[in-house]
Amino acid sequence: MKMPAPDAAILADQAAIAAALADIVPDGVIADAAGLSPYGSDGLTMYAQSPLAVVLPRTTDQVARVLAWCHQRGVKVVARGSGTSLSGGALPLADGIVLGMSRFNRILDVDYDQRIAVVQPGVTNLAVSQAVAHRGFYYAPDPSSQIACSIGGNVAENAGGVHCLKYGTTSPNLLGVELVLIDGTVLRLGGAGMEQPGLDLLGLVCGSEGLLGVVTEATVRILPKPATARALLMGFPSVAAAGDCVAAIIAAGIIPAGLEMMDAPAIRAAEDFVHAGYPTDVAALMIAEADGTPAQVEDQLAQISAIALGHGCTHLKESRDEAERLLFWAGRKAAFPAVGRIASDYYCVDGTIPRRALGQVLTEISAIVARHGLAVANVFHAGDGNLHPLVMYDASRPGQTEAAEQAGAEILKACVDAGGVLTGEHGVGVEKRDLMPHQFSATDLDVQSRLKCAFDAKGLLNPGKLFPTLSRCAEMNAMHVHGGRLPHAHLPRF
C-alpha cells in the first residue's frame, strides 16, 4: 500500500518536534524506536509504518495545544484510540505524529433520569455497560471487539455490533461530542437534549474516520436492560437457505435484537475455540435474539422458529438461561480469534449488501477466494447485510499477501455491484481508499473532500485515508492567494 512520502525536512527535525511536544505534554511523548513500535499499525496488521512520535495527552487543553502547534508547523496528525481499526484508520505516517487518546479513560458523569453517560474517548465500549449495569442499564452498540475498542474509535468509525439491527450503530446512540479542530479550536456539538438547533454537524463527525477533528468527550445514550432476552440457534443445509430465511424474517415485520450468520468454516472454528454448542454438521448457522417482555420474547421466537423451519432449518435450539444465551453470543463474538487459530494470517473484509443478495454474493465470494488459491470463512451481521469474509492466507509465502488484498478488493467491488456499499462498520481508512471511485462518482468525492477541507484545509488530520486523492485540500490552500476564498471556478456546483 503506497502511503504519502515523508517530508525530508520534517524527518530531519524529529528530535526538535518531540522536544516541542514534550513541552506541551511533559510526561507523554514517545520518540524512541522501541517505544514507537506498538503504534506502527492498527488491527489491519498487513500494513505498518513507524510515526515520528507518539503524544499521549491527558486533557482537552493539551490536545488543543498539540493540534494548534502541528497546524502552525504543518505536521500531520493521526488520532488513535485502542488501535482496533480493521481498515488501517489509525495507521501512522512516517512524517506525522500519533495522538494517542488512551489516557482519556474516565466516565465523567451518568444521568439515569436522562439516560445518558458522559465519557472520555479512551473508555472502552464494554466499560460503559459495566459502569451502569448495577442500575439495570447498558450501552447498546456492541462491536465484537467491545472489550478493547474505545468510544472515540467507535465514534470515528460509527461502529456497530451484533445488536445494531434493532438498536442501531454508534450514530443513533451518540448525543454529543466535544471536538478539537486541527487549529486547536474546541467545539461542542449536540448535547443531552433530543433535538439540537442548527446544522447536524454531529452526524457529520460520527463516522468521519478522524479526518475532521479529535473527540475528547462523548455523550452517549444508555438504555434500560430488557426484562427478558433469549437466543435461538438455527442450522441450515445451505447458506442460500439461511439467507432466504433472513429476508423472510425481516419481510414479516420482525426486528430481532440480533440476527447473525456464520458459514461452515467459521462455525467449526468458533465451536472448537469456545464450545458454545454449535452444530458442526450444517452449512450455515444463524443466531437470532429476541428481547422485551416475556410474552413478547415468546411470541417473536415462535414466529422466527416457524419461518426457519419453513426454510429448511435442520437444527433449532433455544437458550435455556442467561448463561447459555451469553455462550451462544460468545462463539459469534470470538469468531475472528477462532479463525486466527486455524490460519497463519487472515484479512477481515467489511462490505454491506442488500439482504436479498446474500446467497448470490456469498457464492461469488467463494469463487473469488478460490481463484486466488486461498480459503475463506464468512461471519456476518445477516440482519443488515454486513458481511465479514475472513480471507485466510500465509504472509510468509511469496505473493499470498498480495493475493489476499486482491481478493478483498474484488469482494468489495462485488458488494457494490450487488447494490451494496464498501463498508458497514469498519470504515474506509487506507484499505478501501482506492476503491472509493467504484462506489462514488467524481462529483460525490469532490463534495465529500470539500467537507473535509472545510475543517482541515491543510490536510493534516489523518491524510492518506478515505480519499483516493489529496488534491482538493491542495486547492483549498490556494485560498491564501485569493484573499481567503477560492476563485469562482473552484466553487462547488449543485
Protein backbone atom coordinates (compact mmCIF):
# COMPACT_ATOMS: atom_id res chain seq x y z
CA MET A 1 0.00 0.00 0.00
CA LYS A 2 1.57 3.29 -1.10
CA MET A 3 1.42 5.92 1.64
CA PRO A 4 2.26 9.63 1.32
CA ALA A 5 6.04 10.07 1.08
CA PRO A 6 7.71 11.54 4.17
CA ASP A 7 8.96 15.10 4.03
CA ALA A 8 12.75 15.06 4.44
CA ALA A 9 12.80 18.34 6.37
CA ILE A 10 10.28 17.07 8.91
CA LEU A 11 12.07 13.74 9.28
CA ALA A 12 15.33 15.55 9.93
CA ASP A 13 13.64 17.61 12.61
CA GLN A 14 12.19 14.64 14.54
CA ALA A 15 14.10 15.42 17.75
CA ALA A 16 13.00 19.05 17.70
CA ILE A 17 9.37 18.06 17.12
CA ALA A 18 9.44 15.57 20.01
CA ALA A 19 11.06 18.16 22.30
CA ALA A 20 8.49 20.83 21.43
CA LEU A 21 5.60 18.44 22.04
CA ALA A 22 7.14 17.36 25.34
CA ASP A 23 6.87 20.98 26.46
CA ILE A 24 3.10 20.68 25.98
CA VAL A 25 2.72 17.13 27.35
CA PRO A 26 5.71 16.70 29.69
CA ASP A 27 5.09 13.05 30.59
CA GLY A 28 3.57 11.85 27.35
CA VAL A 29 5.89 11.87 24.33
CA ILE A 30 7.41 8.72 22.86
CA ALA A 31 10.09 9.06 20.20
CA ASP A 32 12.44 6.07 20.56
CA ALA A 33 12.17 3.17 18.11
CA ALA A 34 11.22 0.57 20.75
CA GLY A 35 8.52 2.80 22.20
CA LEU A 36 7.06 3.64 18.78
CA SER A 37 6.89 0.01 17.68
CA PRO A 38 3.48 -0.84 19.26
CA TYR A 39 1.92 2.11 17.41
CA GLY A 40 3.18 1.04 13.98
CA SER A 41 -0.12 -0.48 12.86
CA ASP A 42 -3.69 -0.98 13.94
CA GLY A 43 -5.84 -4.12 13.58
CA LEU A 44 -5.06 -4.24 9.85
CA THR A 45 -1.59 -5.60 10.51
CA MET A 46 -0.63 -6.21 6.88
CA TYR A 47 0.36 -2.52 6.79
CA ALA A 48 2.81 -0.93 9.22
CA GLN A 49 4.64 2.37 9.47
CA SER A 50 6.55 3.99 12.32
CA PRO A 51 5.46 7.58 13.15
CA LEU A 52 7.73 10.50 14.03
CA ALA A 53 6.46 10.48 17.61
CA VAL A 54 3.52 9.46 19.78
CA VAL A 55 1.89 12.03 22.05
CA LEU A 56 -0.32 10.88 24.94
CA PRO A 57 -2.23 13.90 26.28
CA ARG A 58 -4.37 13.85 29.42
CA THR A 59 -6.52 16.96 28.98
CA THR A 60 -8.53 18.71 26.29
CA ASP A 61 -6.27 21.72 26.68
CA GLN A 62 -3.22 19.59 25.88
CA VAL A 63 -4.95 18.15 22.81
CA ALA A 64 -5.84 21.65 21.63
CA ARG A 65 -2.28 22.93 22.14
CA VAL A 66 -0.73 19.92 20.35
CA LEU A 67 -3.05 20.29 17.37
CA ALA A 68 -2.52 24.06 17.19
CA TRP A 69 1.25 23.55 17.25
CA CYS A 70 1.05 20.93 14.47
CA HIS A 71 -1.26 23.18 12.45
CA GLN A 72 1.13 26.11 12.65
CA ARG A 73 4.09 23.99 11.56
CA GLY A 74 2.39 21.70 9.03
CA VAL A 75 2.91 18.49 11.00
CA LYS A 76 0.47 15.69 10.17
CA VAL A 77 -1.59 14.03 12.92
CA VAL A 78 -3.21 10.61 13.19
CA ALA A 79 -5.52 10.21 16.20
CA ARG A 80 -5.58 6.75 17.75
CA GLY A 81 -7.77 5.10 20.35
CA SER A 82 -7.24 1.43 21.16
CA GLY A 83 -5.87 0.64 17.70
CA THR A 84 -8.52 -1.98 16.89
CA SER A 85 -9.39 -0.46 13.50
CA LEU A 86 -9.55 -3.10 10.77
CA SER A 87 -9.30 -0.67 7.85
CA GLY A 88 -5.96 0.99 8.63
CA GLY A 89 -7.74 4.05 10.00
CA ALA A 90 -5.09 4.51 12.70
CA LEU A 91 -2.11 3.61 10.50
CA PRO A 92 0.55 6.27 11.23
CA LEU A 93 2.54 8.33 8.79
CA ALA A 94 6.33 8.49 8.57
CA ASP A 95 6.14 12.29 8.55
CA GLY A 96 3.43 12.66 11.17
CA ILE A 97 2.69 12.10 14.82
CA VAL A 98 0.22 9.76 16.50
CA LEU A 99 -2.09 11.44 19.01
CA GLY A 100 -2.93 8.58 21.39
CA MET A 101 -6.11 9.10 23.41
CA SER A 102 -5.74 6.14 25.78
CA ARG A 103 -5.26 8.38 28.84
CA PHE A 104 -8.74 9.84 28.33
CA ASN A 105 -10.20 6.84 30.16
CA ARG A 106 -12.73 8.22 32.65
CA ILE A 107 -16.51 8.09 32.79
CA LEU A 108 -17.28 11.70 33.71
CA ASP A 109 -20.99 11.58 34.53
CA VAL A 110 -24.02 9.31 34.39
CA ASP A 111 -27.58 10.69 34.49
CA TYR A 112 -30.00 7.82 34.87
CA ASP A 113 -33.05 10.10 34.67
CA GLN A 114 -31.99 11.44 31.28
CA ARG A 115 -30.47 8.06 30.37
CA ILE A 116 -27.11 9.45 29.31
CA ALA A 117 -23.46 8.89 30.13
CA VAL A 118 -20.67 11.38 29.51
CA VAL A 119 -17.42 9.56 28.81
CA GLN A 120 -13.91 10.26 27.60
CA PRO A 121 -12.88 8.75 24.25
CA GLY A 122 -10.40 6.24 25.71
CA VAL A 123 -13.11 4.47 27.71
CA THR A 124 -13.69 1.01 26.27
CA ASN A 125 -17.06 0.16 24.80
CA LEU A 126 -17.79 -2.60 27.31
CA ALA A 127 -16.75 -0.42 30.26
CA VAL A 128 -19.76 1.85 29.70
CA SER A 129 -22.19 -1.04 30.11
CA GLN A 130 -20.27 -2.37 33.09
CA ALA A 131 -20.37 1.03 34.80
CA VAL A 132 -24.16 1.31 34.61
CA ALA A 133 -25.11 -2.37 34.98
CA HIS A 134 -25.81 -2.07 38.74
CA ARG A 135 -28.71 0.26 37.91
CA GLY A 136 -30.09 -2.02 35.21
CA PHE A 137 -28.76 -0.04 32.22
CA TYR A 138 -26.39 -0.75 29.33
CA TYR A 139 -24.85 0.82 26.22
CA ALA A 140 -26.37 -0.84 23.15
CA PRO A 141 -23.69 -0.73 20.38
CA ASP A 142 -21.55 -3.82 20.95
CA PRO A 143 -18.76 -4.45 18.41
CA SER A 144 -17.11 -7.85 18.72
CA SER A 145 -14.00 -6.02 19.94
CA GLN A 146 -16.00 -4.25 22.67
CA ILE A 147 -13.69 -5.45 25.44
CA ALA A 148 -10.86 -3.44 23.83
CA CYS A 149 -12.22 -0.87 21.35
CA SER A 150 -12.69 2.67 22.62
CA ILE A 151 -15.64 5.03 22.40
CA GLY A 152 -13.58 7.58 20.45
CA GLY A 153 -12.79 4.96 17.83
CA ASN A 154 -16.44 3.88 17.79
CA VAL A 155 -17.43 7.47 17.00
CA ALA A 156 -14.77 7.77 14.30
CA GLU A 157 -15.95 4.62 12.53
CA ASN A 158 -19.66 4.71 13.50
CA ALA A 159 -19.12 1.22 14.92
CA GLY A 160 -21.94 -1.31 15.03
CA GLY A 161 -22.15 -4.77 16.55
CA VAL A 162 -24.34 -7.83 16.77
CA HIS A 163 -27.30 -5.88 18.21
CA CYS A 164 -27.22 -2.94 15.79
CA LEU A 165 -30.15 -4.34 13.77
CA LYS A 166 -32.61 -3.25 16.48
CA TYR A 167 -30.66 -0.66 18.46
CA GLY A 168 -28.53 0.97 15.79
CA THR A 169 -24.86 1.67 15.33
CA THR A 170 -22.99 4.37 17.26
CA SER A 171 -24.72 7.24 15.43
CA PRO A 172 -28.25 6.95 16.92
CA ASN A 173 -26.74 6.31 20.35
CA LEU A 174 -24.46 9.36 20.25
CA LEU A 175 -25.95 12.60 21.58
CA GLY A 176 -23.00 14.95 21.70
CA VAL A 177 -19.24 15.36 21.48
CA GLU A 178 -16.50 17.74 22.46
CA LEU A 179 -14.34 18.07 19.36
CA VAL A 180 -10.94 19.72 18.90
CA LEU A 181 -10.21 21.01 15.41
CA ILE A 182 -6.76 20.98 13.83
CA ASP A 183 -6.17 24.67 14.71
CA GLY A 184 -6.89 24.00 18.39
CA THR A 185 -10.48 25.28 18.40
CA VAL A 186 -12.67 23.35 20.86
CA LEU A 187 -16.29 22.77 19.76
CA ARG A 188 -19.29 21.21 21.47
CA LEU A 189 -21.70 19.54 19.09
CA GLY A 190 -25.06 18.14 20.14
CA GLY A 191 -25.86 17.56 23.77
CA ALA A 192 -28.14 15.77 26.20
CA GLY A 193 -31.35 17.02 24.58
CA MET A 194 -33.20 15.02 21.97
CA GLU A 195 -33.06 17.78 19.35
CA GLN A 196 -30.40 20.44 18.84
CA PRO A 197 -30.74 23.61 16.74
CA GLY A 198 -28.63 24.29 13.67
CA LEU A 199 -26.91 22.01 11.19
CA ASP A 200 -26.36 18.37 12.17
CA LEU A 201 -22.59 18.60 12.46
CA LEU A 202 -22.67 15.74 14.98
CA GLY A 203 -23.96 13.46 12.24
CA LEU A 204 -21.09 14.62 10.04
CA VAL A 205 -18.48 13.89 12.71
CA CYS A 206 -19.74 10.39 13.56
CA GLY A 207 -18.09 8.12 11.01
CA SER A 208 -15.64 10.76 9.75
CA GLU A 209 -12.63 8.49 10.49
CA GLY A 210 -10.53 11.12 12.26
CA LEU A 211 -10.41 13.46 9.27
CA LEU A 212 -12.36 16.36 10.80
CA GLY A 213 -11.24 16.66 14.41
CA VAL A 214 -10.33 14.81 17.60
CA VAL A 215 -13.10 13.77 20.00
CA THR A 216 -12.21 14.47 23.64
CA GLU A 217 -15.62 13.73 25.20
CA ALA A 218 -18.78 11.91 24.14
CA THR A 219 -22.32 11.95 25.49
CA VAL A 220 -23.97 8.62 24.77
CA ARG A 221 -27.41 7.15 25.28
CA ILE A 222 -27.82 4.35 27.83
CA LEU A 223 -30.84 2.07 27.81
CA PRO A 224 -32.66 0.01 30.46
CA LYS A 225 -31.85 -3.66 30.13
CA PRO A 226 -34.74 -5.59 28.58
CA ALA A 227 -36.78 -7.63 31.04
CA THR A 228 -36.01 -10.81 29.12
CA ALA A 229 -33.65 -11.87 26.34
CA ARG A 230 -33.34 -15.29 24.73
CA ALA A 231 -31.33 -16.52 21.77
CA LEU A 232 -32.13 -19.10 19.14
CA LEU A 233 -29.62 -21.24 17.21
CA MET A 234 -30.74 -22.30 13.74
CA GLY A 235 -28.77 -24.58 11.42
CA PHE A 236 -29.38 -24.75 7.66
CA PRO A 237 -28.27 -27.15 4.91
CA SER A 238 -27.10 -24.25 2.71
CA VAL A 239 -26.08 -20.61 3.01
CA ALA A 240 -28.72 -19.72 0.42
CA ALA A 241 -31.49 -21.24 2.59
CA ALA A 242 -30.26 -19.28 5.60
CA GLY A 243 -30.11 -16.09 3.54
CA ASP A 244 -33.67 -16.61 2.33
CA CYS A 245 -34.73 -17.13 5.94
CA VAL A 246 -33.17 -13.81 6.96
CA ALA A 247 -35.08 -11.98 4.22
CA ALA A 248 -38.32 -13.70 5.25
CA ILE A 249 -37.90 -12.74 8.93
CA ILE A 250 -37.45 -9.06 8.08
CA ALA A 251 -40.25 -9.19 5.49
CA ALA A 252 -42.59 -10.49 8.19
CA GLY A 253 -42.03 -7.26 10.13
CA ILE A 254 -39.91 -8.92 12.81
CA ILE A 255 -36.90 -6.95 14.04
CA PRO A 256 -34.85 -9.21 16.31
CA ALA A 257 -32.37 -7.72 18.76
CA GLY A 258 -29.69 -9.56 16.79
CA LEU A 259 -29.57 -11.71 13.67
CA GLU A 260 -26.15 -13.17 12.86
CA MET A 261 -24.84 -15.84 10.50
CA MET A 262 -21.71 -17.95 10.07
CA ASP A 263 -20.78 -20.44 7.37
CA ALA A 264 -19.34 -23.92 7.98
CA PRO A 265 -15.63 -23.00 8.33
CA ALA A 266 -16.47 -20.22 10.81
CA ILE A 267 -18.87 -22.48 12.73
CA ARG A 268 -16.26 -25.17 13.20
CA ALA A 269 -13.54 -22.69 14.20
CA ALA A 270 -15.79 -20.96 16.74
CA GLU A 271 -17.05 -24.22 18.23
CA ASP A 272 -13.54 -25.63 18.62
CA PHE A 273 -12.48 -22.40 20.33
CA VAL A 274 -15.46 -21.58 22.59
CA HIS A 275 -17.52 -24.82 22.80
CA ALA A 276 -20.74 -22.85 22.52
CA GLY A 277 -22.85 -25.83 21.50
CA TYR A 278 -22.93 -25.03 17.78
CA PRO A 279 -23.87 -27.82 15.36
CA THR A 280 -20.89 -28.58 13.13
CA ASP A 281 -22.80 -30.60 10.50
CA VAL A 282 -24.66 -27.63 8.98
CA ALA A 283 -23.63 -25.33 6.13
CA ALA A 284 -24.85 -22.16 7.83
CA LEU A 285 -25.71 -21.18 11.38
CA MET A 286 -27.97 -18.30 12.35
CA ILE A 287 -28.28 -16.76 15.81
CA ALA A 288 -31.44 -14.76 16.45
CA GLU A 289 -32.15 -12.95 19.69
CA ALA A 290 -35.45 -11.60 20.95
CA ASP A 291 -35.74 -9.22 23.88
CA GLY A 292 -38.53 -7.41 25.72
CA THR A 293 -41.27 -8.69 28.00
CA PRO A 294 -41.52 -12.48 28.44
CA ALA A 295 -44.67 -12.55 26.29
CA GLN A 296 -43.01 -10.52 23.51
CA VAL A 297 -39.96 -12.75 23.50
CA GLU A 298 -42.02 -15.93 23.45
CA ASP A 299 -44.11 -14.70 20.53
CA GLN A 300 -41.15 -13.46 18.48
CA LEU A 301 -39.12 -16.63 18.92
CA ALA A 302 -42.13 -18.72 17.91
CA GLN A 303 -42.54 -16.68 14.72
CA ILE A 304 -38.84 -16.91 13.89
CA SER A 305 -38.80 -20.66 14.55
CA ALA A 306 -41.75 -21.19 12.22
CA ILE A 307 -40.14 -19.17 9.44
CA ALA A 308 -36.84 -21.03 9.88
CA LEU A 309 -38.49 -24.44 9.69
CA GLY A 310 -40.29 -23.28 6.56
CA HIS A 311 -36.89 -22.54 5.00
CA GLY A 312 -35.34 -25.93 5.67
CA CYS A 313 -33.88 -25.39 9.14
CA THR A 314 -32.44 -28.69 10.38
CA HIS A 315 -31.21 -27.63 13.81
CA LEU A 316 -33.20 -25.50 16.25
CA LYS A 317 -32.09 -24.77 19.81
CA GLU A 318 -33.29 -22.08 22.21
CA SER A 319 -31.13 -20.80 25.07
CA ARG A 320 -32.31 -22.25 28.38
CA ASP A 321 -30.97 -19.49 30.60
CA GLU A 322 -28.88 -16.31 30.57
CA ALA A 323 -25.62 -18.22 30.77
CA GLU A 324 -26.43 -20.21 27.64
CA ARG A 325 -27.59 -17.08 25.79
CA LEU A 326 -24.26 -15.43 26.51
CA LEU A 327 -22.45 -18.61 25.44
CA PHE A 328 -24.23 -18.56 22.08
CA TRP A 329 -23.00 -15.00 21.56
CA ALA A 330 -19.53 -15.75 22.90
CA GLY A 331 -18.93 -18.11 19.99
CA ARG A 332 -20.02 -15.50 17.46
CA LYS A 333 -18.01 -12.69 19.06
CA ALA A 334 -14.93 -14.91 19.23
CA ALA A 335 -15.18 -15.93 15.57
CA PHE A 336 -12.29 -13.70 14.50
CA PRO A 337 -9.74 -15.02 17.02
CA ALA A 338 -11.13 -18.52 16.43
CA VAL A 339 -10.23 -18.29 12.74
CA GLY A 340 -6.85 -16.93 13.81
CA ARG A 341 -6.18 -20.32 15.42
CA ILE A 342 -6.55 -22.17 12.11
CA ALA A 343 -4.95 -19.66 9.71
CA SER A 344 -1.44 -18.25 9.65
CA ASP A 345 -2.95 -14.87 8.75
CA TYR A 346 -6.36 -13.61 7.76
CA TYR A 347 -7.75 -10.44 6.23
CA CYS A 348 -11.17 -9.34 7.51
CA VAL A 349 -13.16 -7.76 4.71
CA ASP A 350 -16.11 -5.48 5.53
CA GLY A 351 -18.82 -4.77 2.98
CA THR A 352 -22.61 -4.48 3.01
CA ILE A 353 -25.18 -5.82 0.57
CA PRO A 354 -28.98 -5.98 0.29
CA ARG A 355 -30.29 -8.95 2.27
CA ARG A 356 -31.89 -10.41 -0.85
CA ALA A 357 -28.40 -10.75 -2.39
CA LEU A 358 -26.84 -12.81 0.44
CA GLY A 359 -26.83 -16.15 -1.35
CA GLN A 360 -25.61 -14.69 -4.65
CA VAL A 361 -22.76 -12.67 -3.13
CA LEU A 362 -21.58 -15.41 -0.77
CA THR A 363 -21.35 -17.78 -3.74
CA GLU A 364 -19.35 -15.14 -5.59
CA ILE A 365 -17.04 -14.62 -2.59
CA SER A 366 -16.20 -18.33 -2.53
CA ALA A 367 -15.37 -18.23 -6.24
CA ILE A 368 -13.19 -15.11 -5.87
CA VAL A 369 -11.17 -16.53 -3.00
CA ALA A 370 -10.73 -19.91 -4.70
CA ARG A 371 -9.48 -18.14 -7.84
CA HIS A 372 -6.66 -16.70 -5.78
CA GLY A 373 -5.79 -20.07 -4.22
CA LEU A 374 -6.96 -19.03 -0.74
CA ALA A 375 -9.65 -20.05 1.74
CA VAL A 376 -12.42 -18.07 3.42
CA ALA A 377 -14.65 -18.21 6.50
CA ASN A 378 -17.72 -15.97 6.48
CA VAL A 379 -19.12 -14.21 9.55
CA PHE A 380 -21.74 -11.53 9.10
CA HIS A 381 -24.47 -9.35 10.53
CA ALA A 382 -27.18 -11.00 8.48
CA GLY A 383 -29.97 -8.68 9.58
CA ASP A 384 -28.42 -5.63 7.91
CA GLY A 385 -26.40 -7.42 5.23
CA ASN A 386 -22.99 -6.51 6.67
CA LEU A 387 -20.51 -9.18 5.51
CA HIS A 388 -17.18 -10.06 7.13
CA PRO A 389 -15.40 -12.61 4.93
CA LEU A 390 -12.18 -13.70 6.64
CA VAL A 391 -9.76 -14.37 3.80
CA MET A 392 -7.11 -16.80 5.07
CA TYR A 393 -3.55 -16.60 3.76
CA ASP A 394 0.08 -17.07 4.80
CA ALA A 395 2.13 -13.86 4.77
CA SER A 396 5.35 -15.91 4.81
CA ARG A 397 4.55 -17.35 1.38
CA PRO A 398 5.51 -15.04 -1.51
CA GLY A 399 2.53 -13.49 -3.23
CA GLN A 400 -0.12 -14.55 -0.73
CA THR A 401 -0.48 -11.15 0.95
CA GLU A 402 -0.98 -9.54 -2.44
CA ALA A 403 -3.46 -12.28 -3.39
CA ALA A 404 -5.46 -11.63 -0.20
CA GLU A 405 -5.50 -7.89 -0.95
CA GLN A 406 -6.70 -8.51 -4.50
CA ALA A 407 -9.37 -10.96 -3.34
CA GLY A 408 -10.58 -8.41 -0.79
CA ALA A 409 -10.82 -5.71 -3.44
CA GLU A 410 -12.80 -8.00 -5.74
CA ILE A 411 -15.15 -8.94 -2.89
CA LEU A 412 -15.83 -5.28 -2.09
CA LYS A 413 -16.48 -4.50 -5.76
CA ALA A 414 -18.92 -7.42 -5.84
CA CYS A 415 -20.73 -5.94 -2.84
CA VAL A 416 -21.13 -2.59 -4.58
CA ASP A 417 -22.17 -4.23 -7.85
CA ALA A 418 -24.90 -6.12 -5.96
CA GLY A 419 -26.37 -2.83 -4.75
CA GLY A 420 -24.37 -2.57 -1.53
CA VAL A 421 -21.62 -0.35 -0.17
CA LEU A 422 -17.90 -0.58 0.54
CA THR A 423 -18.17 -0.66 4.33
CA GLY A 424 -20.67 -1.48 7.02
CA GLU A 425 -18.79 -0.57 10.18
CA HIS A 426 -15.00 -0.82 9.79
CA GLY A 427 -14.64 2.34 7.72
CA VAL A 428 -12.62 3.09 4.60
CA GLY A 429 -9.21 4.00 6.04
CA VAL A 430 -6.38 3.01 3.70
CA GLU A 431 -7.88 -0.40 2.99
CA LYS A 432 -10.76 0.77 0.77
CA ARG A 433 -9.44 4.21 -0.13
CA ASP A 434 -8.58 3.39 -3.74
CA LEU A 435 -11.91 1.61 -4.20
CA MET A 436 -13.98 4.72 -3.41
CA PRO A 437 -14.42 5.59 -7.12
CA HIS A 438 -16.11 2.21 -7.61
CA GLN A 439 -18.98 3.41 -5.40
CA PHE A 440 -18.84 7.20 -5.71
CA SER A 441 -18.71 9.46 -8.75
CA ALA A 442 -16.07 12.16 -9.14
CA THR A 443 -18.68 14.73 -8.08
CA ASP A 444 -19.55 12.72 -4.95
CA LEU A 445 -15.90 12.53 -3.95
CA ASP A 446 -15.36 16.20 -4.72
CA VAL A 447 -18.18 17.28 -2.40
CA GLN A 448 -17.02 14.93 0.36
CA SER A 449 -13.46 16.17 0.12
CA ARG A 450 -14.65 19.79 0.28
CA LEU A 451 -16.32 18.99 3.59
CA LYS A 452 -13.05 17.52 4.84
CA CYS A 453 -11.13 20.62 3.77
CA ALA A 454 -13.66 22.97 5.38
CA PHE A 455 -12.47 21.52 8.70
CA ASP A 456 -8.83 20.92 7.74
CA ALA A 457 -7.73 22.99 4.74
CA LYS A 458 -4.09 21.94 5.06
CA GLY A 459 -5.00 18.25 5.04
CA LEU A 460 -3.09 17.48 8.25
CA LEU A 461 -5.64 15.25 10.04
CA ASN A 462 -5.28 11.60 9.06
CA PRO A 463 -4.12 12.34 5.49
CA GLY A 464 -3.96 9.48 3.02
CA LYS A 465 -7.13 7.92 4.42
CA LEU A 466 -10.61 7.66 2.89
CA PHE A 467 -10.00 9.75 -0.26
CA PRO A 468 -8.03 8.43 -3.27
CA THR A 469 -6.52 11.90 -3.80
CA LEU A 470 -5.47 14.83 -1.62
CA SER A 471 -5.68 17.36 -4.46
CA ARG A 472 -8.78 19.08 -3.12
CA CYS A 473 -7.05 20.19 0.08
CA ALA A 474 -4.16 21.43 -2.04
CA GLU A 475 -6.64 23.55 -3.97
CA MET A 476 -8.12 24.78 -0.72
CA ASN A 477 -4.69 26.03 0.26
CA ALA A 478 -4.94 28.33 -2.76
CA MET A 479 -7.41 30.38 -0.71
CA HIS A 480 -4.45 32.22 0.75
CA VAL A 481 -3.65 33.51 -2.72
CA HIS A 482 -7.20 34.69 -3.37
CA GLY A 483 -7.92 36.72 -0.27
CA GLY A 484 -9.31 33.90 1.85
CA ARG A 485 -11.53 32.29 -0.79
CA LEU A 486 -11.18 30.06 -3.79
CA PRO A 487 -11.56 31.53 -7.27
CA HIS A 488 -15.12 31.23 -8.58
CA ALA A 489 -14.23 28.38 -10.92
CA HIS A 490 -13.45 26.15 -7.94
CA LEU A 491 -16.73 26.70 -6.08
CA PRO A 492 -18.98 23.61 -5.90
CA ARG A 493 -21.91 23.37 -8.30
CA PHE A 494 -25.10 21.59 -7.20
